[in-house]
């Protein structure tokens, strides 16, 4: 663990949440709350869905959210915290934990660093996504990882037209197309053959899924770009953002993707070169 160049204000009010279906997280939560209380921190403990927690995060009543779980827990935390700029500190109790800062055995020593201001705040770009059908906007999302337009139950290719700032880019014959952030470059986009982008990069990444006799390379777009994906097909297609339950897409529907006004903020105590070191370690453990 590496100190920041200058201490930051120690958090005084912390929300502590855990994955509701991880027994280990529920068991660890009171231990962490007791530790924080012994160090003079005001702690509110509960699930991310509890009204007291969500309202406090929305109203910036907390300096920090400590989340116990895996990457799914971190994603859900970002969706709640990003609009109000509350930073998140993750303790990984899942498998990979790309977004978390501490492993389960590191939380006590790690929190000592945070409580003395020995940390830095990492900011990550998010996406704003809108699903349109003609002139009607059917849904909108703030997204940390990716938006995926993909075929549904039918084992048939989609034809997906991509436009950048209104200009034609390519038409893909593929199982789907991913629009991802740098954060999402290590998620579904990586599995689909896309490049790994450092988390500080502010880009939109387009990655086709199982392209057939068409453009099969990932494309990295600048932050100011606006990407549009238009669906052409005669069977079912689905849209999912950050792994949330999918929306049905009809022939001619459009997905508009641009940089979000929100940012994800994570508390880090490791040095700023932590990303590739941790990523390679996690990938080697999974092989």
Protein backbone atom coordinates (compact mmCIF):
# COMPACT_ATOMS: atom_id res chain seq x y z
CA UNK A 1 0.00 0.00 0.00
CA UNK A 2 1.30 3.41 -0.98
CA UNK A 3 0.50 6.78 0.54
CA UNK A 4 -0.91 9.64 -1.50
CA UNK A 5 1.34 12.69 -1.86
CA UNK A 6 -0.77 14.59 0.70
CA UNK A 7 -3.24 13.22 3.25
CA UNK A 8 -6.93 13.55 2.41
CA UNK A 9 -9.69 14.22 4.98
CA UNK A 10 -10.44 11.04 6.94
CA UNK A 11 -14.08 9.97 6.52
CA UNK A 12 -16.31 10.68 9.51
CA UNK A 13 -19.64 9.22 8.30
CA UNK A 14 -19.60 5.86 6.55
CA UNK A 15 -22.35 3.71 5.07
CA UNK A 16 -21.55 -0.01 5.32
CA UNK A 17 -23.40 -2.41 3.04
CA UNK A 18 -23.04 -6.04 2.06
CA UNK A 19 -24.28 -8.52 -0.53
CA UNK A 20 -27.58 -9.87 0.86
CA UNK A 21 -26.94 -13.47 -0.22
CA UNK A 22 -23.33 -13.84 0.91
CA UNK A 23 -23.26 -15.27 4.46
CA UNK A 24 -19.61 -14.28 4.83
CA UNK A 25 -20.46 -10.66 4.03
CA UNK A 26 -23.23 -10.57 6.63
CA UNK A 27 -20.84 -12.06 9.18
CA UNK A 28 -18.02 -9.61 8.40
CA UNK A 29 -20.19 -6.48 8.40
CA UNK A 30 -20.60 -6.13 12.21
CA UNK A 31 -16.86 -6.68 12.74
CA UNK A 32 -16.03 -3.82 10.38
CA UNK A 33 -18.72 -1.60 11.92
CA UNK A 34 -17.28 -2.23 15.39
CA UNK A 35 -13.77 -1.40 14.19
CA UNK A 36 -14.94 1.85 12.60
CA UNK A 37 -16.93 2.80 15.70
CA UNK A 38 -13.89 2.22 17.91
CA UNK A 39 -12.03 4.69 15.70
CA UNK A 40 -14.61 7.44 16.11
CA UNK A 41 -16.48 6.94 12.83
CA UNK A 42 -20.25 7.24 12.61
CA UNK A 43 -21.45 4.08 10.83
CA UNK A 44 -24.82 3.29 9.26
CA UNK A 45 -25.06 -0.40 8.43
CA UNK A 46 -27.57 -2.16 6.18
CA UNK A 47 -28.36 -3.32 2.67
CA UNK A 48 -27.92 -1.07 -0.35
CA UNK A 49 -31.68 -1.25 -0.88
CA UNK A 50 -32.49 0.07 2.62
CA UNK A 51 -34.19 3.46 2.50
CA UNK A 52 -31.89 4.95 5.16
CA UNK A 53 -28.84 3.98 3.11
CA UNK A 54 -30.13 5.04 -0.31
CA UNK A 55 -31.49 8.34 0.98
CA UNK A 56 -28.26 9.11 2.83
CA UNK A 57 -26.17 8.39 -0.25
CA UNK A 58 -28.48 10.43 -2.45
CA UNK A 59 -28.34 13.38 -0.05
CA UNK A 60 -24.56 13.08 0.52
CA UNK A 61 -25.03 12.35 4.20
CA UNK A 62 -22.10 9.92 4.01
CA UNK A 63 -18.45 10.59 3.19
CA UNK A 64 -17.90 7.04 1.95
CA UNK A 65 -19.65 3.77 1.15
CA UNK A 66 -17.89 0.56 2.19
CA UNK A 67 -19.28 -2.33 0.12
CA UNK A 68 -18.72 -6.01 0.98
CA UNK A 69 -19.18 -8.41 -1.92
CA UNK A 70 -18.00 -8.98 -5.47
CA UNK A 71 -18.00 -6.97 -8.68
CA UNK A 72 -21.81 -7.14 -8.88
CA UNK A 73 -22.05 -5.46 -5.50
CA UNK A 74 -19.64 -2.78 -6.67
CA UNK A 75 -21.67 -2.16 -9.83
CA UNK A 76 -24.88 -1.73 -7.85
CA UNK A 77 -23.05 0.59 -5.46
CA UNK A 78 -21.83 2.76 -8.34
CA UNK A 79 -25.36 3.15 -9.71
CA UNK A 80 -26.47 4.56 -6.36
CA UNK A 81 -23.38 6.59 -5.47
CA UNK A 82 -22.25 8.14 -8.76
CA UNK A 83 -24.96 10.83 -9.05
CA UNK A 84 -24.06 12.23 -5.62
CA UNK A 85 -20.27 11.77 -5.98
CA UNK A 86 -19.95 9.51 -2.93
CA UNK A 87 -16.77 7.39 -3.24
CA UNK A 88 -16.84 3.62 -2.75
CA UNK A 89 -14.41 1.34 -0.95
CA UNK A 90 -14.80 -2.32 -1.88
CA UNK A 91 -13.86 -5.40 0.14
CA UNK A 92 -13.85 -8.34 -2.25
CA UNK A 93 -15.74 -11.44 -1.15
CA UNK A 94 -16.44 -12.62 -4.69
CA UNK A 95 -14.29 -14.32 -7.31
CA UNK A 96 -12.37 -11.67 -9.26
CA UNK A 97 -12.96 -8.37 -7.50
CA UNK A 98 -11.62 -6.15 -10.27
CA UNK A 99 -13.28 -3.09 -8.72
CA UNK A 100 -12.67 -3.75 -5.02
CA UNK A 101 -9.64 -2.39 -3.19
CA UNK A 102 -9.10 -4.99 -0.46
CA UNK A 103 -9.23 -8.76 -0.20
CA UNK A 104 -11.19 -10.10 2.76
CA UNK A 105 -8.07 -10.55 4.92
CA UNK A 106 -6.83 -6.99 4.23
CA UNK A 107 -9.76 -4.89 5.44
CA UNK A 108 -8.46 -3.99 8.91
CA UNK A 109 -5.03 -2.79 7.78
CA UNK A 110 -6.53 -1.13 4.72
CA UNK A 111 -9.09 0.83 6.71
CA UNK A 112 -6.33 2.09 9.01
CA UNK A 113 -4.82 3.80 5.96
CA UNK A 114 -8.16 5.33 4.98
CA UNK A 115 -8.89 6.59 8.50
CA UNK A 116 -5.63 8.51 8.61
CA UNK A 117 -6.19 10.06 5.18
CA UNK A 118 -3.65 7.84 3.42
CA UNK A 119 -5.67 7.20 0.24
CA UNK A 120 -6.57 8.68 -3.13
CA UNK A 121 -9.79 8.87 -5.11
CA UNK A 122 -9.88 7.22 -8.52
CA UNK A 123 -12.44 8.61 -10.98
CA UNK A 124 -13.74 6.46 -13.81
CA UNK A 125 -15.77 7.47 -16.82
CA UNK A 126 -19.31 6.14 -17.18
CA UNK A 127 -21.67 5.95 -20.17
CA UNK A 128 -25.09 7.42 -20.70
CA UNK A 129 -27.27 5.06 -22.75
CA UNK A 130 -30.72 5.63 -24.27
CA UNK A 131 -33.00 3.13 -26.00
CA UNK A 132 -35.12 4.77 -28.72
CA UNK A 133 -37.94 3.47 -30.88
CA UNK A 134 -38.73 6.13 -33.43
CA UNK A 135 -39.31 9.36 -31.51
CA UNK A 136 -39.97 7.54 -28.23
CA UNK A 137 -37.29 7.04 -25.59
CA UNK A 138 -38.00 3.68 -23.96
CA UNK A 139 -35.28 3.75 -21.33
CA UNK A 140 -32.06 5.36 -20.18
CA UNK A 141 -29.18 4.21 -17.98
CA UNK A 142 -25.92 5.41 -16.43
CA UNK A 143 -23.45 2.60 -17.08
CA UNK A 144 -20.07 1.70 -15.59
CA UNK A 145 -19.14 -1.43 -17.57
CA UNK A 146 -21.02 -1.90 -20.82
CA UNK A 147 -24.18 -1.90 -22.89
CA UNK A 148 -24.79 -5.07 -24.89
CA UNK A 149 -27.11 -5.48 -27.88
CA UNK A 150 -27.34 -9.19 -28.60
CA UNK A 151 -29.49 -11.89 -30.15
CA UNK A 152 -32.11 -13.50 -27.99
CA UNK A 153 -33.17 -17.17 -28.04
CA UNK A 154 -32.86 -17.62 -31.80
CA UNK A 155 -29.46 -18.90 -32.98
CA UNK A 156 -29.30 -16.38 -35.81
CA UNK A 157 -27.09 -13.39 -36.48
CA UNK A 158 -28.14 -9.80 -36.02
CA UNK A 159 -27.27 -7.02 -38.45
CA UNK A 160 -26.17 -4.09 -36.35
CA UNK A 161 -25.49 -0.73 -37.93
CA UNK A 162 -23.06 1.48 -36.02
CA UNK A 163 -22.88 5.26 -36.48
CA UNK A 164 -20.46 7.70 -34.88
CA UNK A 165 -21.69 11.26 -34.43
CA UNK A 166 -24.33 10.48 -37.05
CA UNK A 167 -21.88 9.21 -39.68
CA UNK A 168 -21.86 5.53 -40.78
CA UNK A 169 -19.10 3.42 -39.26
CA UNK A 170 -19.83 -0.24 -40.03
CA UNK A 171 -22.58 -2.83 -40.26
CA UNK A 172 -21.88 -5.95 -38.24
CA UNK A 173 -23.25 -9.44 -38.87
CA UNK A 174 -22.75 -10.81 -35.39
CA UNK A 175 -24.28 -12.24 -32.25
CA UNK A 176 -24.12 -8.77 -30.78
CA UNK A 177 -22.21 -5.56 -30.21
CA UNK A 178 -20.76 -4.22 -26.95
CA UNK A 179 -20.31 -0.54 -26.10
CA UNK A 180 -17.98 -0.41 -23.10
CA UNK A 181 -15.94 1.92 -20.94
CA UNK A 182 -12.31 1.37 -20.00
CA UNK A 183 -13.65 -0.24 -16.82
CA UNK A 184 -15.79 -2.57 -18.92
CA UNK A 185 -12.81 -3.50 -21.10
CA UNK A 186 -11.94 -6.19 -18.52
CA UNK A 187 -15.49 -7.56 -18.41
CA UNK A 188 -17.62 -8.87 -21.33
CA UNK A 189 -15.57 -6.88 -23.86
CA UNK A 190 -12.43 -8.78 -22.83
CA UNK A 191 -14.20 -12.12 -23.23
CA UNK A 192 -15.26 -11.04 -26.73
CA UNK A 193 -11.64 -10.32 -27.72
CA UNK A 194 -11.44 -6.61 -27.03
CA UNK A 195 -8.35 -4.76 -25.76
CA UNK A 196 -7.62 -4.00 -22.11
CA UNK A 197 -7.76 -0.26 -21.40
CA UNK A 198 -6.34 1.32 -18.23
CA UNK A 199 -9.20 2.58 -16.05
CA UNK A 200 -8.18 6.24 -16.27
CA UNK A 201 -8.77 6.28 -20.04
CA UNK A 202 -11.94 8.10 -21.08
CA UNK A 203 -13.01 6.25 -24.20
CA UNK A 204 -15.94 4.35 -25.66
CA UNK A 205 -15.01 0.86 -26.82
CA UNK A 206 -17.05 -0.96 -29.50
CA UNK A 207 -16.52 -4.73 -29.62
CA UNK A 208 -18.48 -7.13 -31.87
CA UNK A 209 -19.52 -10.53 -30.49
CA UNK A 210 -18.78 -13.47 -32.80
CA UNK A 211 -18.78 -11.41 -36.01
CA UNK A 212 -19.24 -13.43 -39.20
CA UNK A 213 -17.78 -12.24 -42.52
CA UNK A 214 -17.92 -8.63 -41.35
CA UNK A 215 -15.93 -6.15 -39.28
CA UNK A 216 -14.51 -8.17 -36.38
CA UNK A 217 -12.12 -5.72 -34.73
CA UNK A 218 -12.69 -3.56 -31.68
CA UNK A 219 -12.76 0.21 -32.16
CA UNK A 220 -11.74 2.76 -29.51
CA UNK A 221 -13.59 6.08 -29.70
CA UNK A 222 -12.78 9.38 -27.98
CA UNK A 223 -14.84 10.52 -25.00
CA UNK A 224 -16.69 13.20 -26.97
CA UNK A 225 -18.10 10.68 -29.47
CA UNK A 226 -21.74 9.68 -29.65
CA UNK A 227 -22.23 6.10 -30.81
CA UNK A 228 -25.52 4.86 -32.23
CA UNK A 229 -26.31 1.17 -32.72
CA UNK A 230 -29.30 0.41 -34.98
CA UNK A 231 -30.80 -3.08 -34.92
CA UNK A 232 -31.85 -4.82 -38.15
CA UNK A 233 -33.29 -8.33 -37.86
CA UNK A 234 -36.36 -10.53 -38.31
CA UNK A 235 -36.21 -12.26 -34.91
CA UNK A 236 -35.61 -11.29 -31.26
CA UNK A 237 -32.87 -9.02 -29.92
CA UNK A 238 -32.08 -7.84 -26.40
CA UNK A 239 -30.43 -4.86 -24.71
CA UNK A 240 -28.75 -5.12 -21.32
CA UNK A 241 -26.77 -2.43 -19.48
CA UNK A 242 -24.33 -3.46 -16.73
CA UNK A 243 -25.91 -6.91 -16.61
CA UNK A 244 -29.34 -5.62 -15.60
CA UNK A 245 -32.48 -7.48 -16.76
CA UNK A 246 -32.68 -7.09 -20.55
CA UNK A 247 -35.08 -4.97 -22.59
CA UNK A 248 -36.52 -6.27 -25.86
CA UNK A 249 -35.37 -4.44 -28.99
CA UNK A 250 -37.48 -4.28 -32.14
CA UNK A 251 -36.27 -4.00 -35.72
CA UNK A 252 -35.13 -0.42 -36.27
CA UNK A 253 -34.62 0.38 -32.57
CA UNK A 254 -31.61 2.52 -31.71
CA UNK A 255 -29.21 2.59 -28.78
CA UNK A 256 -27.48 5.93 -28.25
CA UNK A 257 -24.29 5.85 -26.15
CA UNK A 258 -22.22 8.82 -24.98
CA UNK A 259 -20.10 9.84 -22.01
CA UNK A 260 -22.13 10.24 -18.84
CA UNK A 261 -22.17 13.33 -16.67
CA UNK A 262 -21.69 10.94 -13.73
CA UNK A 263 -18.40 9.37 -12.68
CA UNK A 264 -17.62 6.35 -10.54
CA UNK A 265 -15.33 7.20 -7.63
CA UNK A 266 -13.30 4.55 -5.83
CA UNK A 267 -11.11 4.85 -2.75
CA UNK A 268 -7.60 3.48 -3.38
CA UNK A 269 -4.72 2.97 -0.97
CA UNK A 270 -2.53 1.06 -3.42
CA UNK A 271 -0.14 2.93 -5.70
CA UNK A 272 -1.46 4.31 -8.95
CA UNK A 273 0.15 1.47 -10.90
CA UNK A 274 -2.03 -1.08 -9.13
CA UNK A 275 -4.31 -1.91 -12.07
CA UNK A 276 -2.17 -4.12 -14.30
CA UNK A 277 -0.44 -5.77 -11.35
CA UNK A 278 -3.76 -6.79 -9.79
CA UNK A 279 -5.37 -7.74 -13.09
CA UNK A 280 -2.59 -10.11 -14.09
CA UNK A 281 -2.61 -11.69 -10.65
CA UNK A 282 -6.35 -12.32 -10.84
CA UNK A 283 -6.21 -13.68 -14.39
CA UNK A 284 -3.38 -16.07 -13.50
CA UNK A 285 -5.36 -17.38 -10.51
CA UNK A 286 -8.36 -18.11 -12.74
CA UNK A 287 -6.38 -19.99 -15.42
